[in-house]
Every structure is written in C-alpha cells, then in structure tokens.
C-alpha atoms as a PDB file:
ATOM      1  CA  MET A   1     -13.254 -52.148  -5.667  1.00  0.00           C
ATOM      2  CA  GLU A   2      -9.809 -50.842  -8.367  1.00  0.00           C
ATOM      3  CA  LYS A   3     -11.689 -50.086 -11.172  1.00  0.00           C
ATOM      4  CA  GLN A   4     -13.215 -46.708  -8.462  1.00  0.00           C
ATOM      5  CA  ASN A   5      -9.595 -45.461  -8.626  1.00  0.00           C
ATOM      6  CA  ASP A   6      -8.662 -46.248 -12.341  1.00  0.00           C
ATOM      7  CA  SER A   7     -11.914 -43.877 -13.615  1.00  0.00           C
ATOM      8  CA  LYS A   8     -10.971 -41.717 -10.111  1.00  0.00           C
ATOM      9  CA  GLN A   9      -6.907 -41.700 -11.623  1.00  0.00           C
ATOM     10  CA  PRO A  10      -7.667 -39.358 -14.812  1.00  0.00           C
ATOM     11  CA  GLU A  11      -9.655 -37.362 -12.951  1.00  0.00           C
ATOM     12  CA  GLU A  12      -6.915 -36.521 -10.716  1.00  0.00           C
ATOM     13  CA  ASP A  13      -4.471 -36.670 -13.424  1.00  0.00           C
ATOM     14  CA  VAL A  14      -6.751 -33.000 -15.025  1.00  0.00           C
ATOM     15  CA  ALA A  15      -7.080 -31.741 -11.786  1.00  0.00           C
ATOM     16  CA  LYS A  16      -3.424 -31.982 -10.991  1.00  0.00           C
ATOM     17  CA  ALA A  17      -2.410 -30.741 -15.318  1.00  0.00           C
ATOM     18  CA  MET A  18      -4.961 -27.728 -14.496  1.00  0.00           C
ATOM     19  CA  ASN A  19      -2.932 -26.494 -11.657  1.00  0.00           C
ATOM     20  CA  ASP A  20      -0.088 -27.079 -13.473  1.00  0.00           C
ATOM     21  CA  LEU A  21      -0.835 -24.848 -16.316  1.00  0.00           C
ATOM     22  CA  ALA A  22      -2.504 -22.045 -13.712  1.00  0.00           C
ATOM     23  CA  ARG A  23       0.867 -22.139 -11.231  1.00  0.00           C
ATOM     24  CA  HIS A  24       2.802 -21.741 -14.582  1.00  0.00           C
ATOM     25  CA  SER A  25       0.024 -18.884 -15.293  1.00  0.00           C
ATOM     26  CA  MET A  26       0.473 -16.949 -11.987  1.00  0.00           C
ATOM     27  CA  ILE A  27       4.496 -17.213 -11.875  1.00  0.00           C
ATOM     28  CA  LEU A  28       4.202 -16.444 -15.463  1.00  0.00           C
ATOM     29  CA  LYS A  29       2.059 -12.798 -13.773  1.00  0.00           C
ATOM     30  CA  ILE A  30       4.075 -12.331 -11.171  1.00  0.00           C
ATOM     31  CA  TYR A  31       7.531 -12.811 -13.795  1.00  0.00           C
ATOM     32  CA  LYS A  32       6.337 -10.021 -15.968  1.00  0.00           C
ATOM     33  CA  ASP A  33       4.675  -7.355 -13.262  1.00  0.00           C
ATOM     34  CA  ILE A  34       8.469  -7.607 -11.756  1.00  0.00           C
ATOM     35  CA  LEU A  35       9.957  -7.098 -14.463  1.00  0.00           C
ATOM     36  CA  VAL A  36       7.733  -3.622 -14.945  1.00  0.00           C
ATOM     37  CA  ASP A  37       8.215  -3.230 -11.399  1.00  0.00           C
ATOM     38  CA  ILE A  38      12.107  -2.270 -12.082  1.00  0.00           C
ATOM     39  CA  GLN A  39      11.633  -0.747 -14.937  1.00  0.00           C
ATOM     40  CA  VAL A  40      10.179   1.701 -13.331  1.00  0.00           C
ATOM     41  CA  CYS A  41      12.685   1.578 -10.408  1.00  0.00           C
ATOM     42  CA  GLU A  42      15.061   2.374 -12.902  1.00  0.00           C
ATOM     43  CA  LEU A  43      13.800   5.620 -14.282  1.00  0.00           C
ATOM     44  CA  GLU A  44      12.734   7.147 -10.812  1.00  0.00           C
ATOM     45  CA  GLY A  45      15.491   5.975  -9.119  1.00  0.00           C
ATOM     46  CA  TRP A  46      13.735   3.904  -7.034  1.00  0.00           C
ATOM     47  CA  ASP A  47      15.813   0.157  -5.529  1.00  0.00           C
ATOM     48  CA  PRO A  48      14.602  -2.493  -7.554  1.00  0.00           C
ATOM     49  CA  LEU A  49      15.478  -5.064  -5.207  1.00  0.00           C
ATOM     50  CA  GLU A  50      12.856  -3.909  -2.783  1.00  0.00           C
ATOM     51  CA  TYR A  51       9.761  -5.418  -3.898  1.00  0.00           C
ATOM     52  CA  ILE A  52      11.907  -8.969  -5.101  1.00  0.00           C
ATOM     53  CA  HIS A  53      12.780  -8.415  -1.158  1.00  0.00           C
ATOM     54  CA  ILE A  54       9.030  -8.052  -0.116  1.00  0.00           C
ATOM     55  CA  LEU A  55       8.099 -10.968  -2.125  1.00  0.00           C
ATOM     56  CA  GLN A  56      10.346 -13.144  -0.533  1.00  0.00           C
ATOM     57  CA  LYS A  57       9.498 -11.846   2.581  1.00  0.00           C
ATOM     58  CA  VAL A  58       6.240 -13.718   1.113  1.00  0.00           C
ATOM     59  CA  LEU A  59       7.410 -16.656   0.095  1.00  0.00           C
ATOM     60  CA  ASN A  60       9.775 -17.347   3.288  1.00  0.00           C
ATOM     61  CA  HIS A  61       5.998 -17.130   5.140  1.00  0.00           C
ATOM     62  CA  PHE A  62       4.897 -20.167   3.781  1.00  0.00           C
ATOM     63  CA  LYS A  63       7.947 -22.451   3.831  1.00  0.00           C
ATOM     64  CA  LYS A  64       7.727 -21.750   7.158  1.00  0.00           C
ATOM     65  CA  ARG A  65       4.218 -23.113   8.074  1.00  0.00           C
ATOM     66  CA  ASN A  66       4.949 -25.843   5.602  1.00  0.00           C
ATOM     67  CA  GLY A  67       4.734 -28.364   8.450  1.00  0.00           C
ATOM     68  CA  GLN A  68       2.908 -27.065  10.690  1.00  0.00           C
ATOM     69  CA  ASP A  69      -0.531 -28.279  11.519  1.00  0.00           C
ATOM     70  CA  SER A  70      -2.314 -25.486  13.717  1.00  0.00           C
ATOM     71  CA  LYS A  71      -5.854 -24.091  12.430  1.00  0.00           C
ATOM     72  CA  ASN A  72      -4.716 -20.598  14.046  1.00  0.00           C
ATOM     73  CA  ASN A  73      -2.378 -20.238  11.041  1.00  0.00           C
ATOM     74  CA  ARG A  74      -3.580 -22.131   8.046  1.00  0.00           C
ATOM     75  CA  HIS A  75      -4.503 -17.728   6.986  1.00  0.00           C
ATOM     76  CA  ASP A  76      -2.474 -14.611   8.262  1.00  0.00           C
ATOM     77  CA  LYS A  77      -0.822 -12.892   6.236  1.00  0.00           C
ATOM     78  CA  PRO A  78       3.207 -12.058   6.055  1.00  0.00           C
ATOM     79  CA  ASP A  79       3.817  -8.768   6.991  1.00  0.00           C
ATOM     80  CA  SER A  80       4.437  -7.409   4.009  1.00  0.00           C
ATOM     81  CA  ARG A  81       6.959  -4.360   5.209  1.00  0.00           C
END
C-alpha cells in the first residue's frame, strides 16, 4: 500500500507547485492592477485608497469565513461597496 502513496506524492507535489504558480501569477496581476488604479486616481484627483479598502473587505470576508463549515455561506459574495 505504501507504493500507492509514494506514486501519488509526486502528483500532489506537481499540483501544489502549479497552484502556487497560479497564485503568484494572480497576485502579480492584482499588484499591477492596483498600480494602474493608483495612477488613474492621482491623475483624476480621486482617493487612491478606495480600491485598496474594497480589496481589503473582500479578503477579510474570506478570512472570516475560513473557519465556517456552513454550506450556505460557501459562495456568498462580500458587499464590495
């Protein structure tokens, strides 16, 4: 039985590496998006932190629900306003 677990380990390692790469790629896209948003806000005279606060609310939503097992809350979307 140990051979089956050993053969699955490389697959799990590859899956984890691919997921980590996808996460890093998304973080980089979000970072670039924030930089562009800040530039637009500076040009227009808008509050550049407004978008940051919205993103923080979204992230906090997922932090809060992390420990919850309720199936009803699994796909609730945070209010981004």
